[in-house]
Amino acid sequence: MVINMESRVERYQRRKRRTLFQLYKLVVLICLLITLIYFLFEVNNSIKELNLLENTALLEVDFSKKTISIFGNTYYVK
């Protein structure tokens, strides 16, 4: 049986490193989602300008009707 004898400072540093790494992963994930949504809006605008598709609702958000249209399907949000 192996007993790990580490000091409080080492445990604190390990926990701090772990939480910083988790925070970094969360920030990267949020940035990726924001860029994904931004580029979906840009693609949607260019499709509307070029009149390439009959249904141009790749991503539309309507706050007054509380609806989200994704790839032509409309979903109602409470």
Protein backbone atom coordinates (compact mmCIF):
# COMPACT_ATOMS: atom_id res chain seq x y z
CA MET A 1 0.00 0.00 0.00
CA VAL A 2 1.32 3.42 -1.00
CA ILE A 3 0.54 6.47 1.08
CA ASN A 4 0.88 9.79 -0.68
CA MET A 5 2.36 12.24 1.77
CA GLU A 6 1.95 15.64 0.20
CA SER A 7 1.88 18.97 1.91
CA ARG A 8 -1.03 21.35 2.03
CA VAL A 9 0.74 23.72 -0.33
CA GLU A 10 1.11 21.00 -2.97
CA ARG A 11 -2.55 20.04 -2.65
CA TYR A 12 -3.58 23.68 -2.94
CA GLN A 13 -1.43 24.16 -6.04
CA ARG A 14 -2.83 21.01 -7.63
CA ARG A 15 -6.41 22.09 -6.96
CA LYS A 16 -5.68 25.58 -8.24
CA ARG A 17 -4.15 24.18 -11.45
CA ARG A 18 -7.14 21.89 -11.94
CA THR A 19 -9.69 24.69 -11.48
CA LEU A 20 -7.78 27.01 -13.81
CA PHE A 21 -7.66 24.29 -16.45
CA GLN A 22 -11.42 23.71 -16.09
CA LEU A 23 -12.05 27.44 -16.36
CA TYR A 24 -9.87 27.59 -19.47
CA LYS A 25 -11.84 24.75 -21.06
CA LEU A 26 -15.12 26.52 -20.29
CA VAL A 27 -13.92 29.80 -21.82
CA VAL A 28 -12.72 28.01 -24.96
CA LEU A 29 -16.06 26.20 -25.29
CA ILE A 30 -18.04 29.43 -24.92
CA CYS A 31 -15.83 31.18 -27.49
CA LEU A 32 -16.33 28.34 -29.96
CA LEU A 33 -20.11 28.45 -29.52
CA ILE A 34 -20.17 32.21 -30.02
CA THR A 35 -18.13 31.97 -33.23
CA LEU A 36 -20.34 29.11 -34.48
CA ILE A 37 -23.49 31.17 -33.98
CA TYR A 38 -21.91 34.26 -35.54
CA PHE A 39 -20.84 32.37 -38.66
CA LEU A 40 -24.27 30.74 -38.96
CA PHE A 41 -25.82 34.21 -39.05
CA GLU A 42 -23.26 35.31 -41.67
CA VAL A 43 -23.98 32.28 -43.87
CA ASN A 44 -27.71 32.88 -43.48
CA ASN A 45 -27.33 36.52 -44.59
CA SER A 46 -25.25 35.57 -47.62
CA ILE A 47 -27.78 32.93 -48.66
CA LYS A 48 -30.56 35.51 -48.39
CA GLU A 49 -28.58 37.99 -50.51
CA LEU A 50 -27.81 35.46 -53.22
CA ASN A 51 -31.29 33.85 -53.24
CA LEU A 52 -29.85 30.34 -53.31
CA LEU A 53 -32.53 28.52 -51.32
CA GLU A 54 -36.30 28.71 -51.13
CA ASN A 55 -36.29 28.47 -47.33
CA THR A 56 -33.53 30.76 -46.10
CA ALA A 57 -34.10 30.20 -42.38
CA LEU A 58 -30.84 28.54 -41.38
CA LEU A 59 -30.85 30.35 -38.06
CA GLU A 60 -33.41 32.96 -37.10
CA VAL A 61 -34.36 34.16 -33.64
CA ASP A 62 -37.60 36.08 -33.17
CA PHE A 63 -37.97 37.47 -29.65
CA SER A 64 -41.44 38.93 -30.17
CA LYS A 65 -42.96 35.57 -31.21
CA LYS A 66 -40.55 33.60 -28.99
CA THR A 67 -39.49 31.31 -31.82
CA ILE A 68 -36.20 29.90 -33.07
CA SER A 69 -35.91 28.67 -36.64
CA ILE A 70 -33.04 26.26 -37.24
CA PHE A 71 -32.53 24.77 -40.72
CA GLY A 72 -36.16 25.44 -41.68
CA ASN A 73 -37.75 23.95 -38.53
CA THR A 74 -39.45 26.36 -36.14
CA TYR A 75 -39.31 25.79 -32.41
CA TYR A 76 -41.30 27.70 -29.82
CA VAL A 77 -39.55 28.75 -26.62
CA LYS A 78 -41.40 29.38 -23.38
